[in-house]
């Protein structure tokens, strides 16, 4: 199911973005 794959990719992207933002906060 292509739609399912898209949802999973979006979830992974959001997770990575959150991790990145946390990392940036720690650097400041």
C-alpha atoms as a PDB file:
ATOM      1  CA  UNK A   1       0.000   0.000   0.000  1.00  0.00           C
ATOM      2  CA  UNK A   2       1.653   3.201  -1.221  1.00  0.00           C
ATOM      3  CA  UNK A   3      -0.318   5.410   1.153  1.00  0.00           C
ATOM      4  CA  UNK A   4       0.961   3.415   4.116  1.00  0.00           C
ATOM      5  CA  UNK A   5       4.566   3.810   2.993  1.00  0.00           C
ATOM      6  CA  UNK A   6       4.034   7.562   2.686  1.00  0.00           C
ATOM      7  CA  UNK A   7       2.703   7.790   6.255  1.00  0.00           C
ATOM      8  CA  UNK A   8       5.676   5.839   7.575  1.00  0.00           C
ATOM      9  CA  UNK A   9       8.107   8.084   5.709  1.00  0.00           C
ATOM     10  CA  UNK A  10       6.416  11.188   7.100  1.00  0.00           C
ATOM     11  CA  UNK A  11       6.620   9.767  10.640  1.00  0.00           C
ATOM     12  CA  UNK A  12      10.323   9.038  10.194  1.00  0.00           C
ATOM     13  CA  UNK A  13      10.935  12.515   8.808  1.00  0.00           C
ATOM     14  CA  UNK A  14       9.147  14.144  11.745  1.00  0.00           C
ATOM     15  CA  UNK A  15      11.171  12.017  14.151  1.00  0.00           C
ATOM     16  CA  UNK A  16      14.418  13.055  12.487  1.00  0.00           C
ATOM     17  CA  UNK A  17      13.380  16.698  12.494  1.00  0.00           C
ATOM     18  CA  UNK A  18      12.563  16.588  16.215  1.00  0.00           C
ATOM     19  CA  UNK A  19      15.900  14.945  16.949  1.00  0.00           C
ATOM     20  CA  UNK A  20      17.685  17.570  14.910  1.00  0.00           C
ATOM     21  CA  UNK A  21      15.883  20.423  16.697  1.00  0.00           C
ATOM     22  CA  UNK A  22      16.752  18.932  20.080  1.00  0.00           C
ATOM     23  CA  UNK A  23      20.343  18.646  18.982  1.00  0.00           C
ATOM     24  CA  UNK A  24      20.430  22.282  17.888  1.00  0.00           C
ATOM     25  CA  UNK A  25      18.948  23.410  21.195  1.00  0.00           C
ATOM     26  CA  UNK A  26      21.701  21.563  23.033  1.00  0.00           C
ATOM     27  CA  UNK A  27      24.346  23.259  20.934  1.00  0.00           C
ATOM     28  CA  UNK A  28      23.182  26.748  21.882  1.00  0.00           C
END
